[in-house]
Amino acid sequence: MTSITSDQHQFRIGATTRSTATGTSKPQCRNKPSSFLSDGIVFMGGAMAALFFVWAIWSFVDTKPSPDPNEFSTSVSDPKTTTTTAVVTAKDCGCINLRDDPPAPTFYDDRSLSYTVGCREPMKNWDEKRQEWQKHHPSFADGVEDRILLVTGSQPSPCRNPIGDHLLLRSFKNKVDYSRIHGYDIFYNNALLSPEMKTFWAKIPVLRAAMVAHPEAEWIWWMDLDAVFTDMDFKLPLDRYREHNVVVHGWPNMIYGTKEPSSVSLNAGVFLIRNCQWSMEFMEVWASMGPQSPDYEEWGQRQMSTFKDKEFPESDDQSALLYLMLKGEERWGEGIYVESDYYLEGYWVEIVGTLEQIRERYTEMEKEVDQLRRRHAEVVSEYLGKAREKYLERKREKEGNDGKGKWRRPFVTHFVGCQPCNGNHNKMYSGESCWQGMEIALNFADDQVLRSFGFFRPQLLNSSVSPLSFDFPAAAS
């Protein structure tokens, strides 16, 4: 590269400084853009400073208070339209506010609060404590009388039966499906909350803890994991139980109408218990007959002498419940409703063989009634269930059958004695009949769920599914 000499450097400086004096055009053309650029930078800098100043002033003027935790904005952002923002409270819209827990003290701030049964200081004034909590959480007030928490669970360890974990997973899915369709919360537990209260007694500590953990729920619904919903439309007739605190499936004439009551006159694998002080006290008495009690063996002997058909000497939850109904305080028996009008809990041996025929009858029903085969969002499935219930009621009046009749799906099918997890099933039937029966019942229920998603199960013993054609089953006939 050629270096610039001192003379050349002086010439370039001179050319630049002389350009305005000589009036030549070329130096002017080279220097003018430099002038425009510097002026533009100054202008843009001033403009930005002005905008920043305006923004700073506006931020002080347009201050907005922090939103109330009970308020929700209903405005919609749409560039094509102008909308008016409305602010409503959770109470106004009937919404449940999960983000608000006021600092006002409640029973949770009591150091002596216990979540377990058999504690030194049993729960007192639970009804008032629940009401106080609800007063501080008003968004839960709507529908509290019918609010349900479904509770189920299994043992902490894996199943010994090779197919057990698969069946229990499907059974849990079945309960999640039913809860989602009907807007219920569900809690699945696989921890022993009271190590001494094992096997069938393990449910009582779980229910006691659930009551304290969910003061917003009016009913706690226990369901054994080997019990399966087989009518996904049916809803509990809670109005029927307004004056009672426990609802269990059974046969009243085998409990009260005989000199020799049966230990199997009801089943404690599926029941509802109200979240109230009565229930808190009842569970303390019920649990006192369990393995954590020093009188456990004596209670077993009393049950054996009361129920002549009881097959084992240990005190069990079901016999204990019956004993309290018959020989306990009068208020226990008065507070328990024995349901026999529908299958709150149905014996699987009587049910599984009828499911295919029941499904065919429902298909015939849907062919006759346009409304029952109309496509719909799953979230409004209860509407379809009500429409179907009207049709079933007409069938009931016409044929004289009851809630367990040939036209109605069984609500819950309970695989009593199958023991799907450990595989130690009752010797009255084979393990294969148990596992196959559970698959049939689970597929029967899942077929009802899948229809909202555009599919159905052609066969109850086959895991395959098929697309649901428009206007099915009328279009398939």
Protein backbone atom coordinates (compact mmCIF):
# COMPACT_ATOMS: atom_id res chain seq x y z
CA MET A 1 0.00 0.00 0.00
CA THR A 2 1.30 3.47 -0.92
CA SER A 3 1.84 5.67 2.10
CA ILE A 4 0.40 9.16 2.20
CA THR A 5 3.11 11.79 2.11
CA SER A 6 3.05 14.94 4.16
CA ASP A 7 2.28 17.05 1.08
CA GLN A 8 -0.67 14.82 0.08
CA HIS A 9 -2.07 14.99 3.58
CA GLN A 10 -1.88 18.77 3.55
CA PHE A 11 -3.56 18.85 0.12
CA ARG A 12 -6.56 16.79 1.36
CA ILE A 13 -7.02 19.04 4.37
CA GLY A 14 -6.78 22.06 2.21
CA ALA A 15 -9.30 20.67 -0.29
CA THR A 16 -11.77 20.11 2.48
CA THR A 17 -11.37 23.52 4.03
CA ARG A 18 -11.38 25.31 0.68
CA SER A 19 -14.53 23.70 -0.69
CA THR A 20 -16.91 26.31 0.64
CA ALA A 21 -14.66 29.15 -0.31
CA THR A 22 -14.05 28.11 -3.91
CA GLY A 23 -17.70 27.17 -4.55
CA THR A 24 -16.83 23.93 -6.36
CA SER A 25 -19.61 21.33 -6.48
CA LYS A 26 -17.77 18.12 -5.65
CA PRO A 27 -16.64 19.02 -2.16
CA GLN A 28 -20.19 20.22 -1.38
CA CYS A 29 -21.68 16.89 -2.48
CA ARG A 30 -19.34 14.94 -0.22
CA ASN A 31 -19.92 17.11 2.86
CA LYS A 32 -23.76 17.52 2.71
CA PRO A 33 -24.77 13.94 3.70
CA SER A 34 -22.57 14.21 6.77
CA SER A 35 -24.51 17.32 7.81
CA PHE A 36 -27.93 15.65 7.24
CA LEU A 37 -26.87 12.58 9.26
CA SER A 38 -25.76 14.59 12.26
CA ASP A 39 -28.95 16.68 12.20
CA GLY A 40 -31.08 13.47 11.97
CA ILE A 41 -29.38 11.92 14.95
CA VAL A 42 -29.99 15.02 17.02
CA PHE A 43 -33.66 15.11 15.93
CA MET A 44 -34.29 11.41 16.69
CA GLY A 45 -32.57 11.71 20.05
CA GLY A 46 -34.81 14.62 20.99
CA ALA A 47 -37.91 12.77 19.85
CA MET A 48 -37.02 9.68 21.90
CA ALA A 49 -36.35 11.80 24.95
CA ALA A 50 -39.76 13.48 24.54
CA LEU A 51 -41.53 10.13 24.19
CA PHE A 52 -39.78 8.79 27.26
CA PHE A 53 -40.82 11.89 29.22
CA VAL A 54 -44.48 11.50 28.15
CA TRP A 55 -44.43 7.78 29.05
CA ALA A 56 -42.98 8.56 32.48
CA ILE A 57 -45.69 11.15 33.16
CA TRP A 58 -48.45 8.79 31.94
CA SER A 59 -47.25 5.94 34.14
CA PHE A 60 -47.89 8.11 37.19
CA VAL A 61 -51.30 9.25 35.96
CA ASP A 62 -52.62 5.83 34.84
CA THR A 63 -51.98 3.86 38.01
CA LYS A 64 -54.12 0.77 38.63
CA PRO A 65 -54.68 -0.90 41.99
CA SER A 66 -53.69 -4.54 42.49
CA PRO A 67 -56.59 -6.83 41.60
CA ASP A 68 -58.66 -8.24 44.41
CA PRO A 69 -58.13 -12.03 44.68
CA ASN A 70 -61.89 -12.46 44.45
CA GLU A 71 -62.17 -10.43 41.21
CA PHE A 72 -61.86 -11.69 37.68
CA SER A 73 -61.63 -9.61 34.48
CA THR A 74 -64.07 -10.58 31.77
CA SER A 75 -62.60 -8.39 29.00
CA VAL A 76 -61.58 -9.97 25.71
CA SER A 77 -58.70 -8.66 23.61
CA ASP A 78 -59.89 -8.33 20.02
CA PRO A 79 -58.33 -5.81 17.58
CA LYS A 80 -61.52 -5.73 15.50
CA THR A 81 -63.89 -4.81 18.29
CA THR A 82 -64.09 -2.49 21.24
CA THR A 83 -65.09 -4.19 24.47
CA THR A 84 -65.99 -2.86 27.87
CA THR A 85 -64.07 -4.45 30.72
CA ALA A 86 -66.29 -5.79 33.47
CA VAL A 87 -64.95 -6.94 36.80
CA VAL A 88 -66.98 -9.50 38.69
CA THR A 89 -66.34 -11.33 41.91
CA ALA A 90 -66.06 -15.09 42.28
CA LYS A 91 -69.38 -15.00 44.11
CA ASP A 92 -71.08 -13.13 41.25
CA CYS A 93 -70.05 -15.65 38.59
CA GLY A 94 -70.44 -18.74 40.75
CA CYS A 95 -66.74 -19.49 40.37
CA ILE A 96 -64.55 -21.19 42.95
CA ASN A 97 -61.51 -19.09 43.75
CA LEU A 98 -58.50 -21.33 44.38
CA ARG A 99 -56.08 -18.42 44.81
CA ASP A 100 -57.49 -16.81 47.92
CA ASP A 101 -56.80 -17.87 51.50
CA PRO A 102 -57.41 -14.90 53.85
CA PRO A 103 -55.10 -14.47 56.86
CA ALA A 104 -58.01 -14.66 59.31
CA PRO A 105 -57.41 -17.54 61.76
CA THR A 106 -59.29 -20.82 61.23
CA PHE A 107 -59.12 -24.28 62.78
CA TYR A 108 -55.97 -24.90 60.72
CA ASP A 109 -54.14 -22.49 63.04
CA ASP A 110 -54.95 -24.61 66.09
CA ARG A 111 -51.76 -26.36 67.21
CA SER A 112 -53.78 -29.27 68.65
CA LEU A 113 -55.54 -30.06 65.36
CA SER A 114 -55.27 -33.75 64.48
CA TYR A 115 -55.94 -35.47 61.16
CA THR A 116 -56.10 -38.98 62.61
CA VAL A 117 -58.54 -41.16 64.52
CA GLY A 118 -57.81 -42.36 68.03
CA CYS A 119 -56.09 -39.13 69.11
CA ARG A 120 -56.13 -37.85 72.67
CA GLU A 121 -58.26 -34.86 71.77
CA PRO A 122 -61.08 -35.89 69.40
CA MET A 123 -62.47 -33.25 67.08
CA LYS A 124 -65.06 -30.98 68.68
CA ASN A 125 -67.39 -28.37 67.15
CA TRP A 126 -66.45 -29.48 63.64
CA ASP A 127 -69.67 -28.13 62.12
CA GLU A 128 -68.94 -24.65 63.47
CA LYS A 129 -65.30 -24.85 62.37
CA ARG A 130 -66.32 -25.79 58.85
CA GLN A 131 -68.83 -22.95 58.73
CA GLU A 132 -66.19 -20.48 59.91
CA TRP A 133 -63.79 -21.63 57.22
CA GLN A 134 -66.49 -21.36 54.55
CA LYS A 135 -67.33 -17.83 55.74
CA HIS A 136 -63.74 -16.83 54.96
CA HIS A 137 -63.91 -18.60 51.59
CA PRO A 138 -67.28 -17.48 50.18
CA SER A 139 -66.59 -18.68 46.64
CA PHE A 140 -67.15 -22.25 47.89
CA ALA A 141 -70.61 -21.48 49.25
CA ASP A 142 -72.46 -22.24 46.00
CA GLY A 143 -73.44 -25.90 45.84
CA VAL A 144 -71.74 -26.88 49.09
CA GLU A 145 -74.65 -29.18 50.04
CA ASP A 146 -73.91 -31.45 47.08
CA ARG A 147 -70.13 -31.17 46.89
CA ILE A 148 -68.44 -34.58 46.88
CA LEU A 149 -64.87 -35.74 47.31
CA LEU A 150 -64.34 -39.24 45.94
CA VAL A 151 -61.66 -41.17 47.85
CA THR A 152 -60.02 -44.44 46.88
CA GLY A 153 -56.67 -46.11 47.33
CA SER A 154 -54.46 -49.18 47.26
CA GLN A 155 -51.56 -50.70 49.15
CA PRO A 156 -48.15 -48.95 49.13
CA SER A 157 -46.28 -51.81 47.44
CA PRO A 158 -46.61 -53.23 43.89
CA CYS A 159 -49.15 -55.97 43.26
CA ARG A 160 -48.08 -59.61 43.51
CA ASN A 161 -50.63 -60.61 40.89
CA PRO A 162 -48.97 -60.03 37.45
CA ILE A 163 -52.11 -58.39 36.05
CA GLY A 164 -52.97 -56.61 39.30
CA ASP A 165 -51.31 -53.24 38.69
CA HIS A 166 -52.89 -53.05 35.22
CA LEU A 167 -56.36 -53.73 36.59
CA LEU A 168 -55.97 -51.23 39.44
CA LEU A 169 -54.70 -48.55 37.05
CA ARG A 170 -57.72 -49.06 34.82
CA SER A 171 -60.00 -49.03 37.85
CA PHE A 172 -58.50 -45.71 38.97
CA LYS A 173 -58.96 -44.29 35.45
CA ASN A 174 -62.59 -45.36 35.66
CA LYS A 175 -63.05 -43.28 38.82
CA VAL A 176 -61.20 -40.31 37.34
CA ASP A 177 -63.48 -40.46 34.29
CA TYR A 178 -66.63 -40.49 36.40
CA SER A 179 -65.37 -37.67 38.61
CA ARG A 180 -64.41 -35.52 35.61
CA ILE A 181 -67.79 -36.01 33.94
CA HIS A 182 -69.69 -34.99 37.09
CA GLY A 183 -67.35 -32.32 38.42
CA TYR A 184 -66.18 -34.17 41.54
CA ASP A 185 -62.75 -33.95 43.13
CA ILE A 186 -60.91 -37.22 43.67
CA PHE A 187 -58.16 -38.28 46.07
CA TYR A 188 -56.12 -41.45 45.56
CA ASN A 189 -54.11 -42.68 48.54
CA ASN A 190 -51.53 -45.46 48.69
CA ALA A 191 -49.98 -44.69 52.08
CA LEU A 192 -50.85 -46.29 55.41
CA LEU A 193 -51.81 -43.24 57.46
CA SER A 194 -52.12 -45.40 60.57
CA PRO A 195 -49.74 -48.41 60.39
CA GLU A 196 -51.87 -50.54 62.72
CA MET A 197 -55.03 -49.93 60.68
CA LYS A 198 -54.28 -52.25 57.75
CA THR A 199 -56.33 -53.99 55.05
CA PHE A 200 -60.02 -53.04 55.17
CA TRP A 201 -59.49 -50.82 58.24
CA ALA A 202 -57.07 -48.54 56.36
CA LYS A 203 -59.91 -46.54 54.85
CA ILE A 204 -61.04 -44.96 58.14
CA PRO A 205 -57.86 -42.91 58.82
CA VAL A 206 -57.90 -41.78 55.17
CA LEU A 207 -61.51 -40.61 55.41
CA ARG A 208 -60.84 -38.80 58.68
CA ALA A 209 -57.89 -36.94 57.14
CA ALA A 210 -59.91 -36.15 54.00
CA MET A 211 -62.63 -34.48 56.06
CA VAL A 212 -60.14 -32.11 57.66
CA ALA A 213 -58.29 -31.47 54.38
CA HIS A 214 -61.53 -30.67 52.51
CA PRO A 215 -63.89 -28.58 54.65
CA GLU A 216 -65.52 -27.40 51.40
CA ALA A 217 -66.86 -30.92 50.71
CA GLU A 218 -70.17 -31.99 52.22
CA TRP A 219 -69.78 -35.68 51.38
CA ILE A 220 -66.76 -37.97 51.37
CA TRP A 221 -67.38 -40.94 49.10
CA TRP A 222 -65.27 -44.01 49.76
CA MET A 223 -64.90 -46.53 46.96
CA ASP A 224 -62.76 -49.67 47.04
CA LEU A 225 -60.40 -49.87 44.10
CA ASP A 226 -61.95 -53.19 43.01
CA ALA A 227 -65.32 -51.43 42.61
CA VAL A 228 -66.04 -50.05 39.13
CA PHE A 229 -68.51 -47.44 37.87
CA THR A 230 -70.59 -49.14 35.17
CA ASP A 231 -73.11 -46.34 34.59
CA MET A 232 -71.21 -43.14 33.85
CA ASP A 233 -74.45 -41.10 33.55
CA PHE A 234 -76.09 -41.93 36.88
CA LYS A 235 -75.87 -39.40 39.72
CA LEU A 236 -76.43 -40.04 43.39
CA PRO A 237 -79.91 -38.98 44.60
CA LEU A 238 -78.47 -36.83 47.39
CA ASP A 239 -81.83 -35.25 48.23
CA ARG A 240 -82.87 -38.66 49.53
CA TYR A 241 -80.13 -38.57 52.16
CA ARG A 242 -80.67 -35.08 53.63
CA GLU A 243 -81.52 -36.46 57.06
CA HIS A 244 -78.72 -39.05 57.16
CA ASN A 245 -74.96 -39.02 57.56
CA VAL A 246 -73.88 -42.38 56.15
CA VAL A 247 -75.20 -44.08 53.00
CA VAL A 248 -74.32 -47.72 52.39
CA HIS A 249 -75.68 -50.39 50.07
CA GLY A 250 -77.47 -53.30 51.70
CA TRP A 251 -80.65 -55.20 52.44
CA PRO A 252 -82.59 -53.75 55.39
CA ASN A 253 -84.66 -56.90 55.89
CA MET A 254 -81.44 -58.88 56.49
CA ILE A 255 -80.34 -56.34 59.11
CA TYR A 256 -83.42 -55.29 61.03
CA GLY A 257 -86.10 -57.74 59.97
CA THR A 258 -84.56 -60.94 61.33
CA LYS A 259 -83.44 -62.54 64.57
CA GLU A 260 -80.18 -63.59 62.95
CA PRO A 261 -78.73 -60.62 61.07
CA SER A 262 -76.16 -61.44 58.42
CA SER A 263 -72.59 -60.14 58.28
CA VAL A 264 -73.05 -59.69 54.53
CA SER A 265 -76.35 -57.79 54.75
CA LEU A 266 -74.45 -54.69 53.63
CA ASN A 267 -71.09 -53.97 52.04
CA ALA A 268 -68.67 -51.38 53.42
CA GLY A 269 -66.59 -51.25 50.24
CA VAL A 270 -68.63 -48.34 48.84
CA PHE A 271 -70.32 -45.73 51.04
CA LEU A 272 -70.82 -42.02 51.60
CA ILE A 273 -70.18 -40.24 54.86
CA ARG A 274 -71.16 -36.65 55.58
CA ASN A 275 -68.43 -34.23 56.58
CA CYS A 276 -69.87 -33.25 59.98
CA GLN A 277 -69.37 -33.57 63.75
CA TRP A 278 -71.63 -36.64 63.89
CA SER A 279 -69.33 -38.42 61.46
CA MET A 280 -66.20 -37.37 63.36
CA GLU A 281 -67.59 -38.99 66.49
CA PHE A 282 -68.91 -42.01 64.62
CA MET A 283 -65.52 -42.76 63.06
CA GLU A 284 -63.85 -42.60 66.47
CA VAL A 285 -66.25 -45.25 67.75
CA TRP A 286 -65.95 -47.30 64.55
CA ALA A 287 -62.15 -47.20 64.64
CA SER A 288 -62.14 -48.24 68.33
CA MET A 289 -63.21 -51.70 67.14
CA GLY A 290 -60.19 -51.95 64.83
CA PRO A 291 -56.66 -53.38 65.26
CA GLN A 292 -55.31 -50.25 66.97
CA SER A 293 -57.64 -50.91 69.90
CA PRO A 294 -56.55 -53.03 72.90
CA ASP A 295 -60.03 -54.60 72.74
CA TYR A 296 -59.61 -55.75 69.14
CA GLU A 297 -59.88 -59.48 69.88
CA GLU A 298 -62.89 -58.97 72.14
CA TRP A 299 -64.68 -57.03 69.41
CA GLY A 300 -64.08 -59.92 67.03
CA GLN A 301 -65.70 -62.34 69.50
CA ARG A 302 -68.71 -60.06 69.92
CA GLN A 303 -69.15 -59.86 66.16
CA MET A 304 -68.91 -63.65 65.82
CA SER A 305 -71.63 -64.13 68.44
CA THR A 306 -73.87 -61.50 66.81
CA PHE A 307 -73.46 -62.60 63.20
CA LYS A 308 -73.59 -66.37 62.97
CA ASP A 309 -72.44 -66.42 59.35
CA LYS A 310 -69.23 -64.46 60.03
CA GLU A 311 -66.40 -66.67 58.76
CA PHE A 312 -63.30 -65.34 60.57
CA PRO A 313 -62.72 -64.29 64.20
CA GLU A 314 -60.97 -60.96 63.60
CA SER A 315 -62.99 -57.78 63.95
CA ASP A 316 -63.61 -56.29 60.48
CA ASP A 317 -64.93 -52.90 59.40
CA GLN A 318 -68.12 -54.26 57.85
CA SER A 319 -69.20 -56.34 60.85
CA ALA A 320 -68.24 -53.44 63.11
CA LEU A 321 -70.49 -51.09 61.12
CA LEU A 322 -73.38 -53.53 61.38
CA TYR A 323 -72.77 -54.02 65.08
CA LEU A 324 -72.98 -50.27 65.71
CA MET A 325 -76.21 -50.09 63.72
CA LEU A 326 -77.80 -52.88 65.78
CA LYS A 327 -76.26 -52.61 69.23
CA GLY A 328 -74.59 -49.21 69.38
CA GLU A 329 -76.09 -45.91 70.39
CA GLU A 330 -79.48 -45.24 68.85
CA ARG A 331 -78.17 -42.19 67.00
CA TRP A 332 -75.75 -44.31 64.98
CA GLY A 333 -78.48 -46.49 63.53
CA GLU A 334 -80.73 -43.49 62.89
CA GLY A 335 -78.00 -41.67 60.99
CA ILE A 336 -77.28 -44.51 58.53
CA TYR A 337 -79.28 -44.98 55.32
CA VAL A 338 -79.27 -48.46 53.82
CA GLU A 339 -79.70 -48.03 50.05
CA SER A 340 -81.32 -50.89 48.15
CA ASP A 341 -83.13 -49.19 45.25
CA TYR A 342 -80.14 -49.17 42.91
CA TYR A 343 -76.66 -50.68 42.74
CA LEU A 344 -74.64 -48.32 44.91
CA GLU A 345 -72.55 -51.47 45.16
CA GLY A 346 -73.49 -54.51 43.09
CA TYR A 347 -72.12 -58.05 43.29
CA TRP A 348 -70.10 -58.69 40.15
CA VAL A 349 -71.14 -62.34 39.80
CA GLU A 350 -74.76 -61.23 39.28
CA ILE A 351 -73.89 -58.38 36.93
CA VAL A 352 -71.05 -59.16 34.52
CA GLY A 353 -73.01 -61.71 32.51
CA THR A 354 -75.80 -59.18 31.84
CA LEU A 355 -73.69 -56.26 30.58
CA GLU A 356 -73.69 -57.19 26.90
CA GLN A 357 -77.47 -57.52 26.86
CA ILE A 358 -77.86 -54.22 28.73
CA ARG A 359 -75.63 -52.52 26.18
CA GLU A 360 -77.79 -53.86 23.35
CA ARG A 361 -80.90 -52.47 25.04
CA TYR A 362 -79.29 -49.03 25.38
CA THR A 363 -78.37 -49.20 21.68
CA GLU A 364 -82.01 -49.89 20.82
CA MET A 365 -83.03 -46.97 23.02
CA GLU A 366 -80.64 -44.66 21.15
CA LYS A 367 -82.01 -45.79 17.80
CA GLU A 368 -85.48 -44.70 18.90
CA VAL A 369 -84.54 -41.34 20.46
CA ASP A 370 -82.68 -38.80 18.30
CA GLN A 371 -81.56 -36.74 21.27
CA LEU A 372 -79.66 -39.67 22.82
CA ARG A 373 -77.39 -40.13 19.82
CA ARG A 374 -76.65 -36.48 19.17
CA ARG A 375 -72.97 -35.57 19.42
CA HIS A 376 -72.07 -33.42 22.41
CA ALA A 377 -69.14 -32.08 24.39
CA GLU A 378 -68.15 -34.28 27.31
CA VAL A 379 -68.50 -31.35 29.68
CA VAL A 380 -72.31 -31.37 29.16
CA SER A 381 -72.72 -35.14 29.51
CA GLU A 382 -75.00 -34.68 32.50
CA TYR A 383 -77.59 -33.12 30.18
CA LEU A 384 -77.63 -36.30 28.11
CA GLY A 385 -77.82 -38.34 31.29
CA LYS A 386 -80.96 -36.47 32.36
CA ALA A 387 -82.55 -37.04 28.96
CA ARG A 388 -81.76 -40.75 29.17
CA GLU A 389 -83.14 -40.89 32.71
CA LYS A 390 -86.55 -39.66 31.49
CA TYR A 391 -86.66 -42.43 28.92
CA LEU A 392 -85.60 -45.03 31.49
CA GLU A 393 -88.30 -43.82 33.86
CA ARG A 394 -90.93 -44.35 31.18
CA LYS A 395 -89.61 -47.88 30.64
CA ARG A 396 -89.71 -48.48 34.35
CA GLU A 397 -93.34 -47.36 34.62
CA LYS A 398 -94.30 -49.43 31.59
CA GLU A 399 -92.56 -52.64 32.59
CA GLY A 400 -92.67 -52.25 36.37
CA ASN A 401 -88.97 -52.92 36.90
CA ASP A 402 -86.95 -51.17 39.57
CA GLY A 403 -83.58 -49.43 39.53
CA LYS A 404 -81.87 -52.80 39.14
CA GLY A 405 -84.08 -53.80 36.23
CA LYS A 406 -83.03 -55.09 32.83
CA TRP A 407 -83.23 -51.63 31.25
CA ARG A 408 -80.82 -49.89 33.58
CA ARG A 409 -77.05 -50.11 33.72
CA PRO A 410 -75.80 -51.15 37.15
CA PHE A 411 -74.33 -48.07 38.80
CA VAL A 412 -71.34 -49.72 40.54
CA THR A 413 -70.04 -53.24 40.05
CA HIS A 414 -67.96 -54.51 42.96
CA PHE A 415 -65.52 -57.37 42.47
CA VAL A 416 -65.85 -58.64 46.01
CA GLY A 417 -63.52 -61.53 46.78
CA CYS A 418 -61.41 -61.16 43.65
CA GLN A 419 -58.40 -59.49 45.30
CA PRO A 420 -56.93 -58.33 41.97
CA CYS A 421 -53.73 -57.01 43.55
CA ASN A 422 -52.55 -59.97 45.61
CA GLY A 423 -54.40 -62.58 43.54
CA ASN A 424 -55.76 -64.44 46.59
CA HIS A 425 -59.30 -64.64 45.26
CA ASN A 426 -62.19 -66.45 46.87
CA LYS A 427 -62.13 -70.15 45.99
CA MET A 428 -65.79 -69.94 44.96
CA TYR A 429 -64.65 -68.77 41.53
CA SER A 430 -61.52 -68.85 39.42
CA GLY A 431 -59.02 -66.05 39.11
CA GLU A 432 -59.59 -66.01 35.37
CA SER A 433 -63.29 -65.27 35.84
CA CYS A 434 -62.35 -62.37 38.14
CA TRP A 435 -59.80 -60.76 35.83
CA GLN A 436 -61.95 -61.31 32.74
CA GLY A 437 -64.99 -59.95 34.55
CA MET A 438 -63.11 -56.79 35.50
CA GLU A 439 -61.98 -56.27 31.90
CA ILE A 440 -65.57 -56.62 30.68
CA ALA A 441 -66.92 -54.16 33.27
CA LEU A 442 -64.12 -51.65 32.65
CA ASN A 443 -64.61 -51.83 28.87
CA PHE A 444 -68.38 -51.47 29.35
CA ALA A 445 -67.79 -48.23 31.26
CA ASP A 446 -64.99 -47.00 28.99
CA ASP A 447 -67.22 -47.45 25.94
CA GLN A 448 -69.57 -44.85 27.42
CA VAL A 449 -66.68 -42.43 27.98
CA LEU A 450 -65.06 -42.87 24.55
CA ARG A 451 -68.24 -41.96 22.69
CA SER A 452 -67.73 -38.30 23.64
CA PHE A 453 -64.31 -38.58 21.99
CA GLY A 454 -65.64 -40.07 18.74
CA PHE A 455 -64.87 -43.75 19.38
CA PHE A 456 -66.51 -46.85 20.83
CA ARG A 457 -65.62 -50.40 21.82
CA PRO A 458 -67.22 -52.97 19.48
CA GLN A 459 -66.46 -55.88 21.83
CA LEU A 460 -66.35 -55.90 25.62
CA LEU A 461 -63.57 -58.47 25.81
CA ASN A 462 -61.40 -56.77 23.20
CA SER A 463 -59.18 -53.77 23.79
CA SER A 464 -59.62 -52.39 20.25
CA VAL A 465 -61.75 -49.32 19.48
CA SER A 466 -63.44 -48.06 16.32
CA PRO A 467 -64.44 -44.58 15.08
CA LEU A 468 -68.00 -43.62 15.90
CA SER A 469 -69.96 -42.81 12.75
CA PHE A 470 -72.28 -39.80 12.59
CA ASP A 471 -75.79 -40.53 13.99
CA PHE A 472 -74.63 -43.87 15.45
CA PRO A 473 -76.31 -46.28 16.06
CA ALA A 474 -79.13 -45.26 13.71
CA ALA A 475 -76.69 -44.92 10.79
CA ALA A 476 -75.29 -48.39 11.49
CA SER A 477 -78.67 -50.12 11.28
